[in-house]
Protein backbone atom coordinates (compact mmCIF):
# COMPACT_ATOMS: atom_id res chain seq x y z
CA MET A 1 -1.34 24.76 20.80
CA SER A 2 1.64 23.02 22.26
CA GLU A 3 4.78 22.13 20.20
CA LYS A 4 3.95 18.42 20.70
CA GLN A 5 0.41 18.79 19.46
CA ASP A 6 1.85 20.68 16.34
CA MET A 7 4.25 17.83 15.67
CA LEU A 8 1.57 15.22 15.90
CA GLU A 9 -0.88 17.00 13.65
CA ALA A 10 2.06 17.45 11.05
CA GLU A 11 2.55 13.75 11.38
CA LEU A 12 -1.06 13.14 10.77
CA VAL A 13 -1.03 15.34 7.60
CA ARG A 14 2.05 13.35 6.34
CA LEU A 15 0.39 10.08 6.94
CA GLU A 16 -2.81 11.22 5.27
CA GLY A 17 -0.60 12.06 2.15
CA LEU A 18 1.13 8.67 2.23
CA LEU A 19 -2.31 6.91 2.40
CA GLY A 20 -3.50 8.71 -0.52
CA ASP A 21 -0.40 7.61 -2.41
CA LEU A 22 -1.08 4.06 -1.41
CA GLU A 23 -4.72 4.39 -2.56
CA LYS A 24 -3.36 5.31 -6.01
CA ASP A 25 -0.98 2.39 -6.05
CA TRP A 26 -3.78 0.04 -4.98
CA SER A 27 -5.81 1.17 -7.95
CA ARG A 28 -2.97 0.58 -10.37
CA VAL A 29 -2.08 -2.97 -9.33
CA PRO A 30 -4.74 -4.69 -11.63
CA TYR A 31 -2.78 -3.22 -14.62
CA ALA A 32 -0.03 -5.68 -13.73
CA PHE A 33 -2.16 -8.38 -15.03
CA ALA A 34 -1.27 -7.07 -18.61
CA LEU A 35 2.05 -8.95 -18.04
CA LEU A 36 0.10 -12.11 -18.67
CA ILE A 37 0.48 -11.39 -22.29
CA LEU A 38 4.08 -12.51 -21.90
CA ALA A 39 2.81 -16.12 -21.45
CA VAL A 40 2.22 -16.32 -25.21
CA PRO A 41 6.00 -15.72 -26.23
CA ALA A 42 6.95 -17.90 -23.32
CA TYR A 43 4.83 -20.64 -24.62
CA LEU A 44 6.25 -20.29 -28.10
CA LYS A 45 9.90 -20.29 -26.84
CA TRP A 46 9.67 -22.89 -23.78
CA GLY A 47 6.33 -24.53 -24.14
CA PHE A 48 3.75 -25.25 -21.56
CA MET A 49 6.16 -25.02 -18.71
CA GLY A 50 7.54 -21.64 -19.66
CA SER A 51 3.96 -20.15 -20.11
CA SER A 52 2.86 -21.67 -16.77
CA LEU A 53 5.72 -20.28 -14.94
CA THR A 54 5.12 -16.79 -16.54
CA ILE A 55 1.40 -16.97 -15.43
CA LEU A 56 2.50 -18.01 -11.90
CA THR A 57 4.89 -15.24 -11.57
CA VAL A 58 2.55 -12.58 -12.72
CA VAL A 59 -0.20 -13.85 -10.39
CA SER A 60 2.30 -13.99 -7.48
CA PHE A 61 3.50 -10.47 -8.22
CA VAL A 62 0.09 -9.07 -8.18
CA ALA A 63 -0.89 -10.94 -5.08
CA THR A 64 2.25 -9.79 -3.25
CA ALA A 65 1.63 -6.09 -4.27
CA TYR A 66 -1.91 -6.24 -2.92
CA TYR A 67 -0.59 -7.80 0.25
CA LEU A 68 2.12 -5.34 0.83
CA ILE A 69 0.01 -2.34 0.04
CA GLY A 70 -2.85 -3.50 2.12
CA VAL A 71 -0.57 -4.08 5.15
CA ARG A 72 0.98 -0.66 4.83
CA LYS A 73 -2.44 0.97 4.60
CA ALA A 74 -3.55 -0.88 7.75
CA GLU A 75 -0.30 0.31 9.41
CA TYR A 76 -0.88 3.92 8.49
CA ARG A 77 -4.44 3.90 9.64
CA GLY A 78 -3.47 2.40 12.92
CA GLU A 79 -0.78 5.14 13.42
CA MET A 80 -3.24 7.76 12.34
CA ALA A 81 -5.84 6.43 15.11
CA GLU A 82 -3.10 6.56 17.76
CA ILE A 83 -2.05 10.14 16.82
CA ARG A 84 -5.77 11.35 16.90
CA MET A 85 -6.05 9.78 20.43
CA ASP A 86 -2.96 11.51 21.56
CA VAL A 87 -3.98 14.87 20.22
CA GLU A 88 -7.39 14.43 21.86
CA THR A 89 -5.66 13.70 25.08
CA LEU A 90 -3.47 16.70 24.83
CA ARG A 91 -6.58 18.82 24.07
CA ARG A 92 -8.34 17.61 27.17
CA THR A 93 -5.35 17.99 29.36
CA GLY A 94 -4.51 21.38 27.95
CA GLY A 95 -0.82 20.59 27.45
């Protein structure tokens, strides 16, 4: 194998590891909804407005986390597909 092919395959392994880490993060995001419990003390201290803003903040946090993790997963998958094509091209051309 060529040095370039070795580097590409090492990068592929690295991206697979990062994608695995993102999958773990993706499965943990729903636990952030537990922060909704903070709406109760916010209601007691600041009333309806405080609890509403707390709920809005938690939902926004969860939605943002899902979005960012989803975008990063798609990015890694795209890079992995490109690397696989490059490796296949190197194998076919022999270099």
